[in-house]
Amino acid sequence: MMIKEILSQLPEPFTGEELFDHLTDSVFFIKNASGEYLVVNETLVQRSGVRDKGDVIGRTAEQLLQPPLGQRYTDQDQRVIETGRPLLAQLELHLYSSGIVGWCITTKLPLKNSSGKVVGLVGISQDLRLPNYETDEYSHIAAALEHAEKNLSSPPSVEKLASIAKMSRYQLDRRMRHIFGITTGQWLMKARIDLAENLLAETSHSIATIALESGYADQSAFTRQFRRATGLSPREYRAVRTNQ
């Protein structure tokens, strides 16, 4: 029996909602062309700090999350809807109204009708997995990652880390993808942003000082990279974390 035949026999359209309700490490949603939530899973409800799905359905991310958190996701949605181009495996630091902060890999795909018009989108943000630090596989790259973490103010190149790990750049990237789910370059960016966001949240250091401590040549370069990763400027991020 073909999949269309099976789906045609179901009393309601299959959205995957019940399945994704059981995945606590993933945020799942379907939105219409206006960016309003039509289907969400329980993980999104919990991380948004609301009571139930009824508090989410019919709202945009900008309406659901306190300013300026939701604007970034609404802008993303509109780019996918307006261009018809998917957003694939983007590494992002998510900051929810509930206070949960964490790195995710986000993918958003346009939904098109029979005429090819984009009528909405479906998306998932999966938590970045933590490695098993006890495995031999991790031990082969541990020295390289330790070197990077100790030198974030002057971050080493991927080639330097590959040399420390006694691997080619390709071999190191393959190992990093298997262990972390991201490339070595993405891991380096994440480590620098992690340091920066901790300093923003826990110290009163100036943004210029934090930029230098995180390995950025100047504050403007740091601000651009931080905004790409979080959707917020360092100043906005510090304000949100301070007020939570």
Protein backbone atom coordinates (compact mmCIF):
# COMPACT_ATOMS: atom_id res chain seq x y z
CA MET A 1 0.00 0.00 0.00
CA MET A 2 1.36 3.42 -0.96
CA ILE A 3 1.82 6.16 1.61
CA LYS A 4 -0.87 8.34 0.03
CA GLU A 5 -3.36 5.51 0.41
CA ILE A 6 -2.52 5.11 4.09
CA LEU A 7 -2.72 8.83 4.80
CA SER A 8 -6.04 9.11 2.98
CA GLN A 9 -7.56 6.63 5.42
CA LEU A 10 -6.65 8.62 8.52
CA PRO A 11 -9.47 10.59 10.20
CA GLU A 12 -7.22 13.67 10.46
CA PRO A 13 -4.21 14.91 8.46
CA PHE A 14 -0.96 13.45 9.74
CA THR A 15 1.31 16.22 11.10
CA GLY A 16 3.70 14.25 13.28
CA GLU A 17 2.59 16.25 16.33
CA GLU A 18 2.02 13.26 18.61
CA LEU A 19 5.36 11.75 17.59
CA PHE A 20 7.30 14.95 18.24
CA ASP A 21 5.57 15.41 21.61
CA HIS A 22 7.80 12.57 22.83
CA LEU A 23 11.07 14.16 21.67
CA THR A 24 12.18 16.31 24.57
CA ASP A 25 15.39 17.41 22.85
CA SER A 26 13.64 18.90 19.82
CA VAL A 27 11.31 21.83 19.14
CA PHE A 28 8.88 21.06 16.29
CA PHE A 29 6.38 23.32 14.56
CA ILE A 30 4.30 23.94 11.47
CA LYS A 31 3.40 27.52 10.56
CA ASN A 32 1.18 29.21 8.00
CA ALA A 33 2.28 31.83 5.47
CA SER A 34 1.92 34.55 8.13
CA GLY A 35 4.38 32.74 10.41
CA GLU A 36 1.65 31.77 12.89
CA TYR A 37 1.98 28.46 14.71
CA LEU A 38 -0.49 25.79 13.52
CA VAL A 39 1.13 22.72 15.09
CA VAL A 40 3.69 22.59 17.92
CA ASN A 41 5.11 19.96 20.22
CA GLU A 42 5.20 19.97 24.01
CA THR A 43 8.88 20.88 24.12
CA LEU A 44 8.16 24.24 22.47
CA VAL A 45 5.34 24.87 24.96
CA GLN A 46 7.56 24.15 27.96
CA ARG A 47 10.48 26.22 26.71
CA SER A 48 8.24 29.16 25.91
CA GLY A 49 7.06 29.28 29.50
CA VAL A 50 3.33 29.02 28.69
CA ARG A 51 0.66 26.70 30.03
CA ASP A 52 -0.38 24.67 26.99
CA LYS A 53 -0.52 24.55 23.21
CA GLY A 54 -3.52 26.84 23.16
CA ASP A 55 -1.22 29.65 24.31
CA VAL A 56 0.96 29.11 21.23
CA ILE A 57 -1.37 28.25 18.33
CA GLY A 58 -2.26 31.26 16.18
CA ARG A 59 0.65 33.38 17.38
CA THR A 60 3.94 34.25 15.68
CA ALA A 61 7.29 33.76 17.39
CA GLU A 62 7.48 37.51 17.84
CA GLN A 63 4.14 37.47 19.67
CA LEU A 64 5.01 34.41 21.73
CA LEU A 65 8.46 35.36 22.99
CA GLN A 66 9.28 38.53 24.90
CA PRO A 67 11.06 41.23 22.87
CA PRO A 68 13.54 41.07 21.33
CA LEU A 69 13.75 37.25 21.38
CA GLY A 70 11.01 36.43 18.89
CA GLN A 71 11.92 38.88 16.12
CA ARG A 72 14.82 36.75 14.91
CA TYR A 73 12.63 33.68 14.39
CA THR A 74 9.87 35.68 12.70
CA ASP A 75 12.43 37.17 10.31
CA GLN A 76 13.76 33.68 9.56
CA ASP A 77 10.25 32.42 8.84
CA GLN A 78 9.53 35.25 6.44
CA ARG A 79 12.75 34.62 4.49
CA VAL A 80 11.81 30.97 4.00
CA ILE A 81 8.24 31.85 3.03
CA GLU A 82 9.13 34.73 0.71
CA THR A 83 12.03 33.02 -1.08
CA GLY A 84 10.87 29.41 -0.97
CA ARG A 85 14.40 28.44 0.03
CA PRO A 86 14.94 26.17 3.03
CA LEU A 87 17.05 26.99 6.06
CA LEU A 88 19.27 23.96 6.55
CA ALA A 89 21.17 22.82 9.64
CA GLN A 90 21.85 26.29 11.05
CA LEU A 91 23.74 26.34 14.35
CA GLU A 92 22.01 28.76 16.72
CA LEU A 93 22.05 29.70 20.39
CA HIS A 94 18.43 29.76 21.56
CA LEU A 95 17.28 31.83 24.49
CA TYR A 96 13.68 31.21 25.58
CA SER A 97 11.37 33.24 27.80
CA SER A 98 11.49 30.42 30.36
CA GLY A 99 15.21 31.13 30.85
CA ILE A 100 16.42 28.02 28.99
CA VAL A 101 19.56 28.70 26.95
CA GLY A 102 21.08 26.17 24.59
CA TRP A 103 22.59 25.45 21.19
CA CYS A 104 20.40 23.92 18.49
CA ILE A 105 20.61 22.83 14.88
CA THR A 106 17.63 24.41 13.11
CA THR A 107 16.07 23.39 9.80
CA LYS A 108 13.03 25.04 8.22
CA LEU A 109 11.43 23.82 5.00
CA PRO A 110 8.82 25.67 2.92
CA LEU A 111 5.44 24.01 2.42
CA LYS A 112 4.09 24.44 -1.10
CA ASN A 113 0.65 23.80 -2.55
CA SER A 114 -0.02 21.99 -5.83
CA SER A 115 0.66 25.21 -7.74
CA GLY A 116 4.07 25.66 -6.14
CA LYS A 117 3.04 28.57 -3.94
CA VAL A 118 4.54 28.64 -0.45
CA VAL A 119 1.69 28.34 2.04
CA GLY A 120 3.68 27.79 5.21
CA LEU A 121 6.69 26.04 6.65
CA VAL A 122 7.69 23.12 8.84
CA GLY A 123 10.67 23.28 11.13
CA ILE A 124 12.66 21.56 13.82
CA SER A 125 15.35 22.75 16.22
CA GLN A 126 17.28 19.87 17.74
CA ASP A 127 19.46 20.34 20.80
CA LEU A 128 23.14 19.98 20.09
CA ARG A 129 24.17 16.65 21.53
CA LEU A 130 26.78 16.31 24.24
CA PRO A 131 29.63 13.91 23.53
CA ASN A 132 30.61 10.88 25.58
CA TYR A 133 33.90 12.09 27.01
CA GLU A 134 34.92 8.57 28.06
CA THR A 135 35.18 7.09 24.58
CA ASP A 136 38.40 6.46 22.68
CA GLU A 137 36.91 8.43 19.81
CA TYR A 138 36.75 11.58 21.93
CA SER A 139 40.19 11.01 23.45
CA HIS A 140 41.75 11.34 20.00
CA ILE A 141 40.63 14.97 19.73
CA ALA A 142 40.63 15.92 23.42
CA ALA A 143 44.06 17.56 23.33
CA ALA A 144 43.12 19.72 20.35
CA LEU A 145 39.88 20.90 21.96
CA GLU A 146 41.61 21.58 25.27
CA HIS A 147 44.18 23.70 23.42
CA ALA A 148 41.40 25.67 21.74
CA GLU A 149 39.50 26.26 24.99
CA LYS A 150 42.66 27.60 26.66
CA ASN A 151 43.38 29.96 23.79
CA LEU A 152 40.01 31.45 22.83
CA SER A 153 41.34 35.00 23.14
CA SER A 154 43.61 34.12 20.20
CA PRO A 155 41.71 31.20 18.67
CA PRO A 156 43.74 28.61 16.76
CA SER A 157 42.93 27.72 13.17
CA VAL A 158 41.23 24.48 12.22
CA GLU A 159 44.50 23.42 10.60
CA LYS A 160 46.33 23.96 13.90
CA LEU A 161 43.79 21.83 15.78
CA ALA A 162 44.05 19.11 13.13
CA SER A 163 47.82 19.12 13.57
CA ILE A 164 47.49 18.74 17.35
CA ALA A 165 45.06 15.86 16.83
CA LYS A 166 47.47 14.31 14.30
CA MET A 167 44.78 14.29 11.65
CA SER A 168 44.03 15.98 8.35
CA ARG A 169 41.46 18.76 8.42
CA TYR A 170 39.01 16.42 6.67
CA GLN A 171 39.57 13.67 9.26
CA LEU A 172 39.10 16.09 12.16
CA ASP A 173 35.90 17.52 10.66
CA ARG A 174 34.53 14.03 10.14
CA ARG A 175 35.34 13.10 13.73
CA MET A 176 33.79 16.33 15.05
CA ARG A 177 30.61 15.78 13.04
CA HIS A 178 30.31 12.28 14.43
CA ILE A 179 30.89 13.34 18.05
CA PHE A 180 29.22 16.76 18.19
CA GLY A 181 27.12 16.91 15.01
CA ILE A 182 28.95 20.05 13.80
CA THR A 183 32.19 20.94 12.01
CA THR A 184 35.38 22.03 13.72
CA GLY A 185 34.81 25.59 12.55
CA GLN A 186 31.29 25.60 13.99
CA TRP A 187 32.61 24.19 17.27
CA LEU A 188 35.20 26.98 17.49
CA MET A 189 32.54 29.61 16.87
CA LYS A 190 30.32 28.01 19.51
CA ALA A 191 33.14 27.94 22.08
CA ARG A 192 33.85 31.65 21.56
CA ILE A 193 30.17 32.63 21.75
CA ASP A 194 29.72 30.42 24.85
CA LEU A 195 32.54 32.31 26.55
CA ALA A 196 31.11 35.64 25.49
CA GLU A 197 27.55 34.92 26.61
CA ASN A 198 28.77 33.72 30.00
CA LEU A 199 30.80 36.91 30.46
CA LEU A 200 27.84 39.03 29.38
CA ALA A 201 25.52 37.29 31.84
CA GLU A 202 27.85 36.94 34.80
CA THR A 203 30.22 39.93 34.73
CA SER A 204 30.09 43.69 34.26
CA HIS A 205 32.97 43.68 31.77
CA SER A 206 32.57 46.09 28.88
CA ILE A 207 31.48 44.63 25.56
CA ALA A 208 34.79 45.72 24.02
CA THR A 209 36.67 43.76 26.69
CA ILE A 210 34.49 40.69 26.22
CA ALA A 211 35.07 40.88 22.47
CA LEU A 212 38.84 40.73 22.99
CA GLU A 213 38.60 37.92 25.57
CA SER A 214 36.50 35.94 23.06
CA GLY A 215 39.05 36.33 20.29
CA TYR A 216 37.53 39.11 18.19
CA ALA A 217 39.73 41.86 16.79
CA ASP A 218 37.17 44.56 17.43
CA GLN A 219 33.75 45.10 18.95
CA SER A 220 31.93 45.45 15.61
CA ALA A 221 33.19 42.05 14.37
CA PHE A 222 32.15 40.49 17.67
CA THR A 223 28.70 42.08 17.52
CA ARG A 224 28.10 40.80 13.98
CA GLN A 225 29.07 37.23 14.89
CA PHE A 226 27.13 37.29 18.15
CA ARG A 227 24.00 38.54 16.39
CA ARG A 228 24.29 35.83 13.72
CA ALA A 229 24.46 33.17 16.42
CA THR A 230 21.79 34.49 18.80
CA GLY A 231 19.68 37.02 16.90
CA LEU A 232 20.57 39.62 19.54
CA SER A 233 23.32 42.16 19.94
CA PRO A 234 25.60 41.59 22.97
CA ARG A 235 23.92 44.53 24.69
CA GLU A 236 20.43 43.12 24.04
CA TYR A 237 21.51 39.68 25.21
CA ARG A 238 22.92 41.06 28.47
CA ALA A 239 19.68 42.97 29.08
CA VAL A 240 17.53 39.88 28.52
CA ARG A 241 19.64 37.67 30.78
CA THR A 242 19.75 40.34 33.48
CA ASN A 243 15.96 40.70 33.48
CA GLN A 244 15.16 36.97 33.62
